């Protein structure tokens, strides 16, 4: 029976600068992209025509300001504006695209797509219409907690066509128009509650501004009130103090803003910050605010100044404002804006309270726990909870996250509710194996020892006016558990956990037959959600939360599989480029500079190299060379700097590896890696001189490496060649260390096949660790890598043909392993392999984050090998890609279902293995092709649909080799089936050998 399938064909997912209908674009040549959707095999784009107009009406009437003309090309990503007319600032442009498919049929986009330019300047003056930086008139150099700014101005009594607000601050701002908080308006009538704008940059150099469409805020209004609340944020909080941003203005909080109102008759009204029409006040309900320490909010003051951001408010007692000089640049961006993401809102799964601690036996009590235990009463977390003074309420949100609570409470006026946060609860025990480990208090109390100096505490003072709602605005916390106490009796009516993140749309998904692996993947997603916050950070809970560059580079490709974070990482690439230009050609270990200022200007292998690695990863995922073109000169300066001055040899190395590789050794391999990437990127932008320069550099490094690090037996001297005995954390240095072997294999740092095979043999022995011979005290089949080996180990094992060992490492749950944390209850990725164990309690509290993302780089292998959805390094951007599903021949994982929304469309990969039969369903998006590599016993047994593979439509068989069928396929959905080696085959073979 033949069933005819309809061939739906669409042009969809129209984006500018990898964002949907963005506002505030400050590039002269914005990049357009779209997807062709079709379920017909072989569907592809032969040509396109992109047209653009300065109004939706003109676009419909074909009154274009620019048309690309019919362009014979299959490309639908990184199509740049090339019109003769220069884009105007503050202007909305509408566009559409027409595509000719493989049958010369014309497809046309249906959605209304647009983008809006920003002010198209960076000096903070051009197109700002005289807007001035303003601050509170009497502000001292001691940073105030919050400054309120306001102005009220008459509008022309004419119909309004549109209104835009352009705004930035030194500090972080919340803006209000006519009493209503300004949110980013989306086309589906939803709004986005952005947090912590203008975001984190090196304030000594530049600050971002944001643009908002505020037309809806002004409808039917005779006047407009613009109020802005500015808090400390990164600029003036404790992070900023360490980053020395106070050199900018002495920590004074400041505001720069412009509102432009366009009337339907074409006339315009302009409102700008200045010292004549604005007032300010430091009387705010927010008495304290800091990212590390939390927020204190007094609702009684809020009542006193109610209406401060609305029209007709009496501000006669407010102060004048003063102009302030800021000499940095002002750049348009919201690519990395943080937001409250309602989709991820968490609700408590458990609640209990206590008012008494039972002391331990050795302190005269009856508790069997070393630190005693809280005597708890379980409560219904979904019901209202009465809380008396002296009682402590613990709420378990069920998920570690970065964000703030939303709490509804009622009580008498002046009552203070105090909320403290933690990622874990104490288990009341000491850790006999780690002096700095163990609990910091009785069982079931908050574990806060690892917060370092962060207070992570919010306070809310009640007004006594019924049920009151509190949600902090100028801080965030890393937490799963909330502790709520009060100085007077109150009722807690409801608690939610609001997640704050900068990640954009989720683009990757993986599910398997193994629930622990599924939890691990979920933990990876949550780690990224929690730590991608304006910049890639390292931990949302302790007094750190900074842009560690080692973490950022090793996780970058995983990040781009998980979410549409091209704009986010491009924004970070700009921060790195700015750092390089301002610091003699170097990339730091932290960017922007903060936390420990000296780290920002020290060159560390694997950390500083992020300035080269992230542009490469962006190019691989998109095929777009824009970032490379922008930053190549700075990358080249960095390479020259390292060539002349070397890396710092005392810094991080393979951070937290249980078996340490020499830092000097890692300096060498990362120098080689950089040289390889620079040569490839130079080729991509047709810089022939640089190609030759870096290919020669790699050859020189390789020759020196082979001469220094191999002994006569082929062993790799990853420690002894540099007299390296232990890492910063006291872990022993070792020859043939896992990370050292992995990088040498990955980069081809060997001269003979014998050297290669010896390294493979040594790596396999090290991992298997039979009877603890190689790594005494560590279990068999465990990894011993740290940060710089974690994203290399499984891909390298698979590349050398040892998929079974890769799966064994993935599925191992003894320490150290990925599933060890899952077995111990993790809901995010930990910083340390041994952050906590049910058997031994907490690890080293001096650095013990339960919400990092670095070890989550395992997901890169899960996407590229396990699911088999891999970029093709020779054809970046996923217009051609590789599908190489990697099965577990021992059938410990029997099925997988994965997808990835690439820049060219959704790729699907779904397989299962049962009784020696491998079934694989794959979707190759329209306008793309793929190389498919399938496991099989023989070619003749492979089918696609109901026909032999060699006869399948859209399939070209290339070869059968080493148990793999390699073929090329056009776009479409395919159903492959083959016979593969199974566990039963191994059993039969063992029986034959025994007989």
Foldseek 3Di string as FASTA:
>chain_A
DDDDDDKDKAKADWDWPLHFQEEAAQDQKIFIAIFIFIFDFFKFFQWKKKFKDQDPVCVVVVVTQDIPPIGGDRDRTRDIDDGPDTDAAFTKMWMWMWTQIPVRDIHIHDDTGIYTHHQNFWFLPRSLPPFFKKFAPPDDLQAAFKKKKKFKFFDDPFAFDWKKKKKAKLAFKWKDKQRHTAFAADPVRDTWAFARPPFDFLLLAETEIEMHTCRVSCGPDRMMMMMMMGGNHCRQAQFNVQLVSCVFFSNTMIMWMKMWIAGPVGDIDIDTHDQPGMFMDSQAQWRHFHQQAHTEGEVVSCVVQPQVRRPPGDCVVTGTIDGTDGRHIYHYDDLQTKTFDPVPKFAFPWKKKAQDWFADVVVPGPAVFQFTATDIDTDDSQAKDKAFARMKMKTFRQFWAKFWKKWKKADAAFKKKKKAFAADFACRHAFPVFNQWHAPHHGRHHRCLLQVPGNRMYMYGDHRPPIDIDIDRRYMAGHRMMMIHIRGIMMTGGMMTTHMFRFAAFFKDKDFPDVLLNLLLLQLLRLRRRQSRSARFFFSHHPGSFAQQLLCLLCVLVSVQTGSSLSSLLVVLVSQLSLCVVQQLWAFRTTPQGDNNVRRNAFAQSGRCSNLRNLLSSCQQAVDLVSCVVRVVSLVRHLVCCVVPNHDQQDAAQHQFLAGFRSVLSSLLSNLVSLVSQLLSCVSVVVVVSVVVSVVVNVVSLVVLQVQAQDPQLWGQRAVSPVHAAHPVRRGYDTLAQQSLLSCLVSVSYDDVSNNVVSVVSNQCCQQCVVVPNNNPAHGREHRTGLNRLLRRLVSCVVVPNNQSSVSQQPDCGPQGSSVVVVQPASHDWNHSPQAHPVRGGHNSNHTHSRGNRNVSVVVCCVCEQQNWARDSVRGRQLETERHHDDNQAPPIFWMWMWGQGSNGIWTWIWGADPQKIKIKIFRGRSHKYKYKAFAPDQQQKDKPPHRQCPDPQWAWDDQDPRITIIMGGGHMIIMMHGHRHPVNVVVVVVVVVD
